[in-house]
Amino acid sequence: MKIVGIIGIIIVVAVVLLSRGLVFAYDEITEKELKEKMAKGGLVLLDVREDDEVADCKIPESIHIPLAQVNTRFKELDPQKEIVVYCAAGVRSARASKILDNAGFKKVKNLKGGIRNWTASGGTVVGPCK
């Protein structure tokens, strides 16, 4: 009976945190899913890494807005298009996804594992990706 009570409390806390924006549940997309969507076209790739990281390599045709600037530059993006956000490993892109969600973007996905997983799975990049 104690387990049921604890689970109930956890669910209530999670609902409260989600409703207040303190926890953000975002959609993720795998490298395989991204490759399929890229083949179809119509999506925006948003790279939120720093300038030096992008200079090393990037996914072709991605738009670069560093995480620190997403809050002030999101108007450069079309909120009607599906946007896939990526960084090195997925942490900064999750933060950027939250910023976009708060700004009214509803078709935002975070690339699971970032460009590291993308390159490891044979995804196309521009640059050496050291």
C-alpha atoms as a PDB file:
ATOM      1  CA  MET A   1       0.000   0.000   0.000  1.00  0.00           C
ATOM      2  CA  LYS A   2       2.905   2.354   0.720  1.00  0.00           C
ATOM      3  CA  ILE A   3       4.183   1.872  -2.843  1.00  0.00           C
ATOM      4  CA  VAL A   4       0.855   2.990  -4.310  1.00  0.00           C
ATOM      5  CA  GLY A   5       0.920   6.116  -2.140  1.00  0.00           C
ATOM      6  CA  ILE A   6       4.475   6.960  -3.160  1.00  0.00           C
ATOM      7  CA  ILE A   7       3.684   6.478  -6.849  1.00  0.00           C
ATOM      8  CA  GLY A   8       0.642   8.725  -6.442  1.00  0.00           C
ATOM      9  CA  ILE A   9       2.758  11.459  -4.871  1.00  0.00           C
ATOM     10  CA  ILE A  10       5.349  11.177  -7.669  1.00  0.00           C
ATOM     11  CA  ILE A  11       2.621  11.535 -10.300  1.00  0.00           C
ATOM     12  CA  VAL A  12       1.135  14.602  -8.591  1.00  0.00           C
ATOM     13  CA  VAL A  13       4.557  16.262  -8.278  1.00  0.00           C
ATOM     14  CA  ALA A  14       5.340  15.528 -11.939  1.00  0.00           C
ATOM     15  CA  VAL A  15       2.029  17.025 -13.096  1.00  0.00           C
ATOM     16  CA  VAL A  16       2.580  20.163 -11.003  1.00  0.00           C
ATOM     17  CA  LEU A  17       6.137  20.618 -12.293  1.00  0.00           C
ATOM     18  CA  LEU A  18       5.081  20.101 -15.913  1.00  0.00           C
ATOM     19  CA  SER A  19       2.139  22.495 -15.594  1.00  0.00           C
ATOM     20  CA  ARG A  20       4.379  25.230 -14.222  1.00  0.00           C
ATOM     21  CA  GLY A  21       7.018  24.777 -16.914  1.00  0.00           C
ATOM     22  CA  LEU A  22       9.599  23.616 -14.408  1.00  0.00           C
ATOM     23  CA  VAL A  23      10.070  20.352 -16.234  1.00  0.00           C
ATOM     24  CA  PHE A  24       9.945  20.183 -19.981  1.00  0.00           C
ATOM     25  CA  ALA A  25       8.965  17.070 -21.864  1.00  0.00           C
ATOM     26  CA  TYR A  26      10.293  17.367 -25.399  1.00  0.00           C
ATOM     27  CA  ASP A  27      10.109  15.124 -28.407  1.00  0.00           C
ATOM     28  CA  GLU A  28      13.271  13.393 -29.538  1.00  0.00           C
ATOM     29  CA  ILE A  29      14.162  12.131 -32.964  1.00  0.00           C
ATOM     30  CA  THR A  30      16.715   9.429 -33.726  1.00  0.00           C
ATOM     31  CA  GLU A  31      19.377   9.635 -36.426  1.00  0.00           C
ATOM     32  CA  LYS A  32      17.455   7.099 -38.522  1.00  0.00           C
ATOM     33  CA  GLU A  33      14.223   9.085 -38.263  1.00  0.00           C
ATOM     34  CA  LEU A  34      16.062  12.300 -39.124  1.00  0.00           C
ATOM     35  CA  LYS A  35      17.624  10.743 -42.233  1.00  0.00           C
ATOM     36  CA  GLU A  36      14.152   9.702 -43.400  1.00  0.00           C
ATOM     37  CA  LYS A  37      12.700  13.172 -42.771  1.00  0.00           C
ATOM     38  CA  MET A  38      15.648  14.869 -44.484  1.00  0.00           C
ATOM     39  CA  ALA A  39      15.053  12.727 -47.578  1.00  0.00           C
ATOM     40  CA  LYS A  40      11.458  13.994 -47.696  1.00  0.00           C
ATOM     41  CA  GLY A  41      12.468  17.624 -47.075  1.00  0.00           C
ATOM     42  CA  GLY A  42      10.507  20.432 -45.450  1.00  0.00           C
ATOM     43  CA  LEU A  43      12.213  20.549 -42.077  1.00  0.00           C
ATOM     44  CA  VAL A  44      14.633  22.977 -40.494  1.00  0.00           C
ATOM     45  CA  LEU A  45      17.832  21.799 -38.823  1.00  0.00           C
ATOM     46  CA  LEU A  46      18.933  24.118 -36.027  1.00  0.00           C
ATOM     47  CA  ASP A  47      22.505  23.816 -34.728  1.00  0.00           C
ATOM     48  CA  VAL A  48      22.818  25.445 -31.289  1.00  0.00           C
ATOM     49  CA  ARG A  49      26.523  24.707 -30.731  1.00  0.00           C
ATOM     50  CA  GLU A  50      29.196  27.379 -30.401  1.00  0.00           C
ATOM     51  CA  ASP A  51      30.960  28.941 -33.413  1.00  0.00           C
ATOM     52  CA  ASP A  52      34.142  26.884 -33.032  1.00  0.00           C
ATOM     53  CA  GLU A  53      32.171  23.635 -32.928  1.00  0.00           C
ATOM     54  CA  VAL A  54      30.254  24.528 -36.087  1.00  0.00           C
ATOM     55  CA  ALA A  55      33.510  25.501 -37.819  1.00  0.00           C
ATOM     56  CA  ASP A  56      34.725  21.933 -37.207  1.00  0.00           C
ATOM     57  CA  CYS A  57      31.656  20.269 -38.752  1.00  0.00           C
ATOM     58  CA  LYS A  58      27.902  20.515 -39.173  1.00  0.00           C
ATOM     59  CA  ILE A  59      24.969  18.702 -40.683  1.00  0.00           C
ATOM     60  CA  PRO A  60      24.424  20.071 -44.217  1.00  0.00           C
ATOM     61  CA  GLU A  61      21.873  22.853 -44.645  1.00  0.00           C
ATOM     62  CA  SER A  62      21.544  23.490 -40.909  1.00  0.00           C
ATOM     63  CA  ILE A  63      20.956  26.959 -39.517  1.00  0.00           C
ATOM     64  CA  HIS A  64      23.344  28.049 -36.786  1.00  0.00           C
ATOM     65  CA  ILE A  65      22.055  29.962 -33.783  1.00  0.00           C
ATOM     66  CA  PRO A  66      24.143  29.410 -30.630  1.00  0.00           C
ATOM     67  CA  LEU A  67      22.108  28.404 -27.582  1.00  0.00           C
ATOM     68  CA  ALA A  68      22.849  31.725 -25.853  1.00  0.00           C
ATOM     69  CA  GLN A  69      21.175  33.557 -28.768  1.00  0.00           C
ATOM     70  CA  VAL A  70      18.120  31.361 -29.352  1.00  0.00           C
ATOM     71  CA  ASN A  71      16.010  33.436 -26.951  1.00  0.00           C
ATOM     72  CA  THR A  72      16.629  36.614 -28.970  1.00  0.00           C
ATOM     73  CA  ARG A  73      16.850  35.151 -32.498  1.00  0.00           C
ATOM     74  CA  PHE A  74      14.000  32.621 -32.614  1.00  0.00           C
ATOM     75  CA  LYS A  75      12.013  34.990 -34.869  1.00  0.00           C
ATOM     76  CA  GLU A  76      14.418  34.017 -37.663  1.00  0.00           C
ATOM     77  CA  LEU A  77      12.722  30.608 -37.666  1.00  0.00           C
ATOM     78  CA  ASP A  78       9.339  29.640 -39.099  1.00  0.00           C
ATOM     79  CA  PRO A  79       7.111  28.369 -36.253  1.00  0.00           C
ATOM     80  CA  GLN A  80       4.971  26.457 -38.784  1.00  0.00           C
ATOM     81  CA  LYS A  81       7.850  24.241 -39.917  1.00  0.00           C
ATOM     82  CA  GLU A  82       9.151  21.169 -38.166  1.00  0.00           C
ATOM     83  CA  ILE A  83      12.431  22.062 -36.465  1.00  0.00           C
ATOM     84  CA  VAL A  84      15.049  19.534 -35.411  1.00  0.00           C
ATOM     85  CA  VAL A  85      17.477  21.017 -32.902  1.00  0.00           C
ATOM     86  CA  TYR A  86      20.923  19.554 -32.326  1.00  0.00           C
ATOM     87  CA  CYS A  87      24.131  20.173 -30.430  1.00  0.00           C
ATOM     88  CA  ALA A  88      27.069  17.923 -29.573  1.00  0.00           C
ATOM     89  CA  ALA A  89      25.241  15.408 -27.366  1.00  0.00           C
ATOM     90  CA  GLY A  90      21.659  16.622 -26.888  1.00  0.00           C
ATOM     91  CA  VAL A  91      21.795  18.684 -23.688  1.00  0.00           C
ATOM     92  CA  ARG A  92      21.977  22.201 -25.134  1.00  0.00           C
ATOM     93  CA  SER A  93      19.515  21.311 -27.865  1.00  0.00           C
ATOM     94  CA  ALA A  94      17.041  20.198 -25.185  1.00  0.00           C
ATOM     95  CA  ARG A  95      17.350  23.646 -23.598  1.00  0.00           C
ATOM     96  CA  ALA A  96      16.875  25.304 -26.986  1.00  0.00           C
ATOM     97  CA  SER A  97      13.809  23.110 -27.590  1.00  0.00           C
ATOM     98  CA  LYS A  98      12.291  24.426 -24.365  1.00  0.00           C
ATOM     99  CA  ILE A  99      12.975  28.024 -25.398  1.00  0.00           C
ATOM    100  CA  LEU A 100      11.285  27.449 -28.752  1.00  0.00           C
ATOM    101  CA  ASP A 101       8.351  25.685 -27.112  1.00  0.00           C
ATOM    102  CA  ASN A 102       7.886  28.631 -24.750  1.00  0.00           C
ATOM    103  CA  ALA A 103       7.938  30.949 -27.785  1.00  0.00           C
ATOM    104  CA  GLY A 104       5.049  29.049 -29.372  1.00  0.00           C
ATOM    105  CA  PHE A 105       6.879  26.603 -31.647  1.00  0.00           C
ATOM    106  CA  LYS A 106       4.985  23.299 -31.548  1.00  0.00           C
ATOM    107  CA  LYS A 107       6.872  21.158 -34.080  1.00  0.00           C
ATOM    108  CA  VAL A 108      10.239  20.949 -32.318  1.00  0.00           C
ATOM    109  CA  LYS A 109      12.290  17.792 -31.906  1.00  0.00           C
ATOM    110  CA  ASN A 110      15.640  17.241 -30.238  1.00  0.00           C
ATOM    111  CA  LEU A 111      18.188  15.062 -32.071  1.00  0.00           C
ATOM    112  CA  LYS A 112      18.869  12.248 -29.620  1.00  0.00           C
ATOM    113  CA  GLY A 113      22.581  12.116 -28.835  1.00  0.00           C
ATOM    114  CA  GLY A 114      23.323  15.175 -30.962  1.00  0.00           C
ATOM    115  CA  ILE A 115      25.828  15.326 -33.791  1.00  0.00           C
ATOM    116  CA  ARG A 116      27.935  12.682 -32.030  1.00  0.00           C
ATOM    117  CA  ASN A 117      25.273  10.034 -32.609  1.00  0.00           C
ATOM    118  CA  TRP A 118      24.594  11.445 -36.066  1.00  0.00           C
ATOM    119  CA  THR A 119      28.201  10.987 -37.196  1.00  0.00           C
ATOM    120  CA  ALA A 120      28.549   7.633 -35.419  1.00  0.00           C
ATOM    121  CA  SER A 121      25.584   6.331 -37.429  1.00  0.00           C
ATOM    122  CA  GLY A 122      27.118   7.474 -40.706  1.00  0.00           C
ATOM    123  CA  GLY A 123      25.157  10.698 -41.051  1.00  0.00           C
ATOM    124  CA  THR A 124      26.444  13.185 -43.618  1.00  0.00           C
ATOM    125  CA  VAL A 125      28.424  16.156 -42.313  1.00  0.00           C
ATOM    126  CA  VAL A 126      30.355  19.088 -43.715  1.00  0.00           C
ATOM    127  CA  GLY A 127      33.841  19.142 -42.167  1.00  0.00           C
ATOM    128  CA  PRO A 128      36.028  16.613 -40.392  1.00  0.00           C
ATOM    129  CA  CYS A 129      34.138  16.374 -37.068  1.00  0.00           C
ATOM    130  CA  LYS A 130      37.236  15.926 -34.942  1.00  0.00           C
END
